[in-house]
Amino acid sequence: MLSGSEALERTVVFIEQAPESANALTLYALANTLEYERAGCLFKLVKLRDLDAEARALAYGLMELVAEEHVGDDAWKAAKARMDRAIRGV
């Protein structure tokens, strides 16, 4: 299993390589929901079925960041900004 920090960096690269792909958009949706802990991080776990094995491993690593309480820290904010730019095509 990937560490949370490794999964975060690899997810950013994954999204930047093909931001229009279904895998990238699903990972981006997961990352967005992880920021809303008070709302229960509302991500439909059945969406994991839509991911290939590589992207699913990244998703599990991102979820590990919740357990490690690193969602929202400086590394998260920098990575999330890169994801936002990639998805928006900026």
N, C-alpha and C. Protein backbone atom coordinates (compact mmCIF):
# COMPACT_ATOMS: atom_id res chain seq x y z
N MET A 1 0.84 -1.18 0.00
CA MET A 1 0.00 0.00 0.00
C MET A 1 0.88 1.25 0.00
N LEU A 2 0.46 2.23 -0.75
CA LEU A 2 1.18 3.49 -0.82
C LEU A 2 0.98 4.30 0.45
N SER A 3 2.01 5.04 0.83
CA SER A 3 1.81 5.99 1.92
C SER A 3 0.92 7.11 1.40
N GLY A 4 0.29 7.82 2.32
CA GLY A 4 -0.57 8.92 1.91
C GLY A 4 0.16 9.98 1.12
N SER A 5 1.36 10.36 1.57
CA SER A 5 2.10 11.42 0.88
C SER A 5 2.54 10.97 -0.51
N GLU A 6 2.94 9.71 -0.65
CA GLU A 6 3.32 9.19 -1.97
C GLU A 6 2.11 9.15 -2.89
N ALA A 7 0.98 8.70 -2.36
CA ALA A 7 -0.25 8.65 -3.16
C ALA A 7 -0.67 10.04 -3.62
N LEU A 8 -0.50 11.02 -2.74
CA LEU A 8 -0.87 12.39 -3.10
C LEU A 8 -0.05 12.89 -4.28
N GLU A 9 1.25 12.74 -4.20
CA GLU A 9 2.12 13.20 -5.29
C GLU A 9 1.84 12.43 -6.58
N ARG A 10 1.69 11.12 -6.47
CA ARG A 10 1.42 10.31 -7.66
C ARG A 10 0.06 10.63 -8.26
N THR A 11 -0.90 10.97 -7.42
CA THR A 11 -2.23 11.35 -7.92
C THR A 11 -2.16 12.64 -8.72
N VAL A 12 -1.40 13.59 -8.23
CA VAL A 12 -1.24 14.86 -8.96
C VAL A 12 -0.65 14.59 -10.34
N VAL A 13 0.41 13.82 -10.40
CA VAL A 13 1.04 13.49 -11.68
C VAL A 13 0.07 12.74 -12.59
N PHE A 14 -0.65 11.80 -12.01
CA PHE A 14 -1.64 11.01 -12.76
C PHE A 14 -2.69 11.93 -13.39
N ILE A 15 -3.21 12.87 -12.61
CA ILE A 15 -4.22 13.80 -13.11
C ILE A 15 -3.63 14.75 -14.15
N GLU A 16 -2.43 15.23 -13.92
CA GLU A 16 -1.79 16.14 -14.87
C GLU A 16 -1.53 15.47 -16.22
N GLN A 17 -1.29 14.18 -16.23
CA GLN A 17 -0.99 13.48 -17.48
C GLN A 17 -2.21 13.33 -18.38
N ALA A 18 -3.38 13.17 -17.79
CA ALA A 18 -4.59 12.99 -18.60
C ALA A 18 -5.79 13.51 -17.83
N PRO A 19 -5.90 14.83 -17.66
CA PRO A 19 -6.95 15.39 -16.80
C PRO A 19 -8.38 15.12 -17.29
N GLU A 20 -8.53 14.77 -18.54
CA GLU A 20 -9.86 14.53 -19.07
C GLU A 20 -10.30 13.07 -18.94
N SER A 21 -9.42 12.21 -18.47
CA SER A 21 -9.75 10.79 -18.37
C SER A 21 -10.71 10.52 -17.21
N ALA A 22 -11.45 9.44 -17.34
CA ALA A 22 -12.40 9.06 -16.29
C ALA A 22 -11.68 8.79 -14.97
N ASN A 23 -10.53 8.13 -15.03
CA ASN A 23 -9.77 7.86 -13.81
C ASN A 23 -9.37 9.16 -13.11
N ALA A 24 -8.86 10.11 -13.88
CA ALA A 24 -8.42 11.38 -13.30
C ALA A 24 -9.59 12.13 -12.68
N LEU A 25 -10.71 12.17 -13.38
CA LEU A 25 -11.87 12.89 -12.87
C LEU A 25 -12.43 12.24 -11.61
N THR A 26 -12.40 10.92 -11.55
CA THR A 26 -12.88 10.22 -10.36
C THR A 26 -11.95 10.47 -9.18
N LEU A 27 -10.64 10.42 -9.41
CA LEU A 27 -9.69 10.72 -8.33
C LEU A 27 -9.84 12.16 -7.86
N TYR A 28 -10.06 13.06 -8.78
CA TYR A 28 -10.26 14.46 -8.43
C TYR A 28 -11.52 14.63 -7.58
N ALA A 29 -12.58 13.93 -7.95
CA ALA A 29 -13.81 13.98 -7.16
C ALA A 29 -13.57 13.45 -5.75
N LEU A 30 -12.82 12.37 -5.64
CA LEU A 30 -12.49 11.84 -4.32
C LEU A 30 -11.71 12.86 -3.51
N ALA A 31 -10.69 13.45 -4.11
CA ALA A 31 -9.88 14.44 -3.40
C ALA A 31 -10.75 15.60 -2.91
N ASN A 32 -11.68 16.03 -3.74
CA ASN A 32 -12.57 17.12 -3.33
C ASN A 32 -13.44 16.74 -2.14
N THR A 33 -13.96 15.52 -2.15
CA THR A 33 -14.84 15.12 -1.06
C THR A 33 -14.07 14.91 0.25
N LEU A 34 -12.81 14.53 0.16
CA LEU A 34 -12.03 14.30 1.38
C LEU A 34 -11.84 15.58 2.18
N GLU A 35 -12.00 16.72 1.54
CA GLU A 35 -11.86 18.00 2.23
C GLU A 35 -13.07 18.34 3.09
N TYR A 36 -14.14 17.59 2.96
CA TYR A 36 -15.38 17.89 3.68
C TYR A 36 -15.68 16.81 4.72
N GLU A 37 -14.80 16.71 5.70
CA GLU A 37 -14.93 15.69 6.73
C GLU A 37 -16.24 15.85 7.52
N ARG A 38 -16.63 17.08 7.79
CA ARG A 38 -17.87 17.30 8.55
C ARG A 38 -19.09 16.77 7.81
N ALA A 39 -19.01 16.76 6.50
CA ALA A 39 -20.11 16.23 5.70
C ALA A 39 -19.96 14.73 5.45
N GLY A 40 -18.95 14.13 6.04
CA GLY A 40 -18.76 12.69 5.91
C GLY A 40 -17.99 12.27 4.68
N CYS A 41 -17.26 13.20 4.06
CA CYS A 41 -16.47 12.85 2.87
C CYS A 41 -17.32 12.04 1.89
N LEU A 42 -18.39 12.62 1.44
CA LEU A 42 -19.41 11.91 0.67
C LEU A 42 -18.93 11.49 -0.72
N PHE A 43 -18.25 10.37 -0.77
CA PHE A 43 -17.80 9.78 -2.03
C PHE A 43 -18.42 8.41 -2.13
N LYS A 44 -19.11 8.14 -3.22
CA LYS A 44 -19.73 6.82 -3.40
C LYS A 44 -18.64 5.79 -3.63
N LEU A 45 -18.51 4.89 -2.70
CA LEU A 45 -17.46 3.87 -2.80
C LEU A 45 -17.63 2.97 -4.02
N VAL A 46 -18.83 2.85 -4.54
CA VAL A 46 -19.01 2.05 -5.75
C VAL A 46 -18.27 2.66 -6.94
N LYS A 47 -17.94 3.97 -6.85
CA LYS A 47 -17.16 4.61 -7.92
C LYS A 47 -15.76 4.00 -8.02
N LEU A 48 -15.29 3.33 -6.96
CA LEU A 48 -13.99 2.65 -7.02
C LEU A 48 -13.99 1.59 -8.12
N ARG A 49 -15.15 1.05 -8.43
CA ARG A 49 -15.26 0.04 -9.49
C ARG A 49 -14.90 0.62 -10.85
N ASP A 50 -15.08 1.92 -11.00
CA ASP A 50 -14.80 2.58 -12.28
C ASP A 50 -13.31 2.82 -12.51
N LEU A 51 -12.51 2.67 -11.46
CA LEU A 51 -11.07 2.93 -11.55
C LEU A 51 -10.31 1.67 -11.92
N ASP A 52 -9.24 1.84 -12.68
CA ASP A 52 -8.37 0.69 -12.92
C ASP A 52 -7.53 0.46 -11.66
N ALA A 53 -6.76 -0.61 -11.64
CA ALA A 53 -6.02 -1.00 -10.44
C ALA A 53 -5.05 0.08 -9.97
N GLU A 54 -4.36 0.74 -10.90
CA GLU A 54 -3.41 1.79 -10.53
C GLU A 54 -4.13 2.96 -9.85
N ALA A 55 -5.21 3.41 -10.45
CA ALA A 55 -5.95 4.54 -9.90
C ALA A 55 -6.61 4.17 -8.57
N ARG A 56 -7.06 2.92 -8.46
CA ARG A 56 -7.67 2.46 -7.20
C ARG A 56 -6.65 2.49 -6.07
N ALA A 57 -5.41 2.09 -6.36
CA ALA A 57 -4.34 2.14 -5.35
C ALA A 57 -4.10 3.59 -4.91
N LEU A 58 -4.15 4.52 -5.85
CA LEU A 58 -4.00 5.94 -5.51
C LEU A 58 -5.16 6.41 -4.63
N ALA A 59 -6.37 5.96 -4.95
CA ALA A 59 -7.54 6.34 -4.15
C ALA A 59 -7.39 5.85 -2.72
N TYR A 60 -6.93 4.63 -2.54
CA TYR A 60 -6.75 4.10 -1.18
C TYR A 60 -5.68 4.91 -0.44
N GLY A 61 -4.64 5.30 -1.15
CA GLY A 61 -3.60 6.13 -0.53
C GLY A 61 -4.13 7.49 -0.13
N LEU A 62 -4.98 8.08 -0.97
CA LEU A 62 -5.59 9.36 -0.62
C LEU A 62 -6.45 9.21 0.63
N MET A 63 -7.18 8.11 0.73
CA MET A 63 -8.00 7.87 1.91
C MET A 63 -7.14 7.72 3.16
N GLU A 64 -5.95 7.20 2.99
CA GLU A 64 -5.02 7.08 4.11
C GLU A 64 -4.68 8.45 4.69
N LEU A 65 -4.65 9.46 3.84
CA LEU A 65 -4.39 10.82 4.32
C LEU A 65 -5.44 11.29 5.32
N VAL A 66 -6.65 10.80 5.19
CA VAL A 66 -7.70 11.14 6.17
C VAL A 66 -7.32 10.54 7.52
N ALA A 67 -6.91 9.28 7.52
CA ALA A 67 -6.53 8.61 8.76
C ALA A 67 -5.31 9.28 9.40
N GLU A 68 -4.40 9.75 8.56
CA GLU A 68 -3.18 10.40 9.05
C GLU A 68 -3.41 11.87 9.41
N GLU A 69 -4.61 12.36 9.16
CA GLU A 69 -4.99 13.75 9.41
C GLU A 69 -4.10 14.75 8.66
N HIS A 70 -3.87 14.45 7.38
CA HIS A 70 -3.06 15.35 6.55
C HIS A 70 -3.87 16.06 5.47
N VAL A 71 -5.15 15.75 5.37
CA VAL A 71 -5.98 16.48 4.41
C VAL A 71 -6.10 17.91 4.90
N GLY A 72 -5.72 18.84 4.04
CA GLY A 72 -5.78 20.26 4.39
C GLY A 72 -4.46 20.85 4.85
N ASP A 73 -3.43 20.01 5.01
CA ASP A 73 -2.13 20.57 5.41
C ASP A 73 -1.46 21.24 4.20
N ASP A 74 -0.28 21.80 4.40
CA ASP A 74 0.38 22.55 3.32
C ASP A 74 0.65 21.70 2.09
N ALA A 75 1.09 20.46 2.28
CA ALA A 75 1.35 19.57 1.13
C ALA A 75 0.06 19.29 0.39
N TRP A 76 -1.02 19.07 1.13
CA TRP A 76 -2.33 18.83 0.51
C TRP A 76 -2.76 20.04 -0.30
N LYS A 77 -2.65 21.22 0.29
CA LYS A 77 -3.09 22.44 -0.40
C LYS A 77 -2.32 22.66 -1.70
N ALA A 78 -1.01 22.42 -1.67
CA ALA A 78 -0.20 22.59 -2.88
C ALA A 78 -0.59 21.57 -3.94
N ALA A 79 -0.77 20.33 -3.51
CA ALA A 79 -1.15 19.27 -4.46
C ALA A 79 -2.54 19.54 -5.02
N LYS A 80 -3.46 19.95 -4.17
CA LYS A 80 -4.82 20.22 -4.62
C LYS A 80 -4.85 21.38 -5.60
N ALA A 81 -4.03 22.39 -5.39
CA ALA A 81 -3.95 23.51 -6.34
C ALA A 81 -3.48 23.02 -7.70
N ARG A 82 -2.51 22.13 -7.72
CA ARG A 82 -2.04 21.55 -8.99
C ARG A 82 -3.14 20.75 -9.66
N MET A 83 -3.89 19.97 -8.88
CA MET A 83 -5.00 19.20 -9.45
C MET A 83 -6.04 20.14 -10.04
N ASP A 84 -6.39 21.18 -9.30
CA ASP A 84 -7.37 22.16 -9.78
C ASP A 84 -6.94 22.75 -11.12
N ARG A 85 -5.67 23.16 -11.21
CA ARG A 85 -5.17 23.75 -12.46
C ARG A 85 -5.24 22.74 -13.61
N ALA A 86 -4.87 21.50 -13.34
CA ALA A 86 -4.88 20.48 -14.39
C ALA A 86 -6.30 20.22 -14.90
N ILE A 87 -7.23 20.08 -13.98
CA ILE A 87 -8.62 19.79 -14.37
C ILE A 87 -9.23 20.98 -15.11
N ARG A 88 -8.89 22.17 -14.69
CA ARG A 88 -9.45 23.37 -15.33
C ARG A 88 -8.72 23.75 -16.61
N GLY A 89 -7.60 23.07 -16.88
CA GLY A 89 -6.84 23.35 -18.10
C GLY A 89 -6.10 24.65 -18.07
N VAL A 90 -5.69 25.07 -16.89
CA VAL A 90 -4.99 26.35 -16.73
C VAL A 90 -3.49 26.12 -16.80
